[in-house]
Amino acid sequence: MSLRPRSGEQVPLLTAQIARTSNPGGTTAMWVRDRLDGLWRDEDFADWYPA
């Protein structure tokens, strides 16, 4: 498995609008992103995985 660094990646505006419209009460994933986005960066976990 390979992961690409994605720090600072933004959800496209149309995607966010559709998600909010189709889930007015939000979802667990939306709650987590709204509150914890930016708390950790991919680089914080780089040492956990082999090169």
C-alpha atoms as a PDB file:
ATOM      1  CA  MET A   1       0.000   0.000   0.000  1.00  0.00           C
ATOM      2  CA  SER A   2       1.226   3.465  -0.823  1.00  0.00           C
ATOM      3  CA  LEU A   3      -0.006   6.767   0.525  1.00  0.00           C
ATOM      4  CA  ARG A   4       0.603  10.140  -1.022  1.00  0.00           C
ATOM      5  CA  PRO A   5       1.076  13.157   1.231  1.00  0.00           C
ATOM      6  CA  ARG A   6      -2.092  15.257   1.217  1.00  0.00           C
ATOM      7  CA  SER A   7      -1.592  17.867   3.917  1.00  0.00           C
ATOM      8  CA  GLY A   8      -3.651  20.973   3.336  1.00  0.00           C
ATOM      9  CA  GLU A   9      -5.894  19.340   0.754  1.00  0.00           C
ATOM     10  CA  GLN A  10      -9.250  21.053   0.439  1.00  0.00           C
ATOM     11  CA  VAL A  11     -12.603  19.442  -0.310  1.00  0.00           C
ATOM     12  CA  PRO A  12     -13.878  20.810  -3.649  1.00  0.00           C
ATOM     13  CA  LEU A  13     -16.658  23.376  -3.138  1.00  0.00           C
ATOM     14  CA  LEU A  14     -19.267  21.439  -5.131  1.00  0.00           C
ATOM     15  CA  THR A  15     -18.480  18.242  -3.195  1.00  0.00           C
ATOM     16  CA  ALA A  16     -18.898  20.070   0.121  1.00  0.00           C
ATOM     17  CA  GLN A  17     -22.193  21.626  -1.013  1.00  0.00           C
ATOM     18  CA  ILE A  18     -23.606  18.264  -2.108  1.00  0.00           C
ATOM     19  CA  ALA A  19     -22.465  16.580   1.121  1.00  0.00           C
ATOM     20  CA  ARG A  20     -24.105  19.275   3.276  1.00  0.00           C
ATOM     21  CA  THR A  21     -27.308  19.213   1.203  1.00  0.00           C
ATOM     22  CA  SER A  22     -27.643  15.438   1.266  1.00  0.00           C
ATOM     23  CA  ASN A  23     -26.669  15.173   4.967  1.00  0.00           C
ATOM     24  CA  PRO A  24     -28.091  18.260   6.712  1.00  0.00           C
ATOM     25  CA  GLY A  25     -27.329  16.792  10.118  1.00  0.00           C
ATOM     26  CA  GLY A  26     -23.800  15.907   9.019  1.00  0.00           C
ATOM     27  CA  THR A  27     -22.010  12.585   9.254  1.00  0.00           C
ATOM     28  CA  THR A  28     -19.313  11.295  11.565  1.00  0.00           C
ATOM     29  CA  ALA A  29     -16.667  11.925   8.898  1.00  0.00           C
ATOM     30  CA  MET A  30     -17.882  15.499   8.387  1.00  0.00           C
ATOM     31  CA  TRP A  31     -17.860  16.126  12.141  1.00  0.00           C
ATOM     32  CA  VAL A  32     -14.285  14.831  12.460  1.00  0.00           C
ATOM     33  CA  ARG A  33     -13.009  16.909   9.533  1.00  0.00           C
ATOM     34  CA  ASP A  34     -14.789  20.069  10.708  1.00  0.00           C
ATOM     35  CA  ARG A  35     -13.256  19.825  14.166  1.00  0.00           C
ATOM     36  CA  LEU A  36      -9.910  18.107  13.718  1.00  0.00           C
ATOM     37  CA  ASP A  37      -8.752  19.202  10.258  1.00  0.00           C
ATOM     38  CA  GLY A  38      -5.215  20.507  10.481  1.00  0.00           C
ATOM     39  CA  LEU A  39      -4.543  19.041  13.909  1.00  0.00           C
ATOM     40  CA  TRP A  40      -2.135  16.498  12.435  1.00  0.00           C
ATOM     41  CA  ARG A  41      -0.130  16.471   9.215  1.00  0.00           C
ATOM     42  CA  ASP A  42       0.984  13.481   7.152  1.00  0.00           C
ATOM     43  CA  GLU A  43       4.575  14.306   8.076  1.00  0.00           C
ATOM     44  CA  ASP A  44       3.767  13.682  11.755  1.00  0.00           C
ATOM     45  CA  PHE A  45       3.381   9.972  10.975  1.00  0.00           C
ATOM     46  CA  ALA A  46       6.171   9.484   8.415  1.00  0.00           C
ATOM     47  CA  ASP A  47       8.464   7.717  10.910  1.00  0.00           C
ATOM     48  CA  TRP A  48       5.783   5.101  11.591  1.00  0.00           C
ATOM     49  CA  TYR A  49       6.186   3.570   8.121  1.00  0.00           C
ATOM     50  CA  PRO A  50       9.190   2.152   6.290  1.00  0.00           C
ATOM     51  CA  ALA A  51      10.525   4.019   3.275  1.00  0.00           C
END
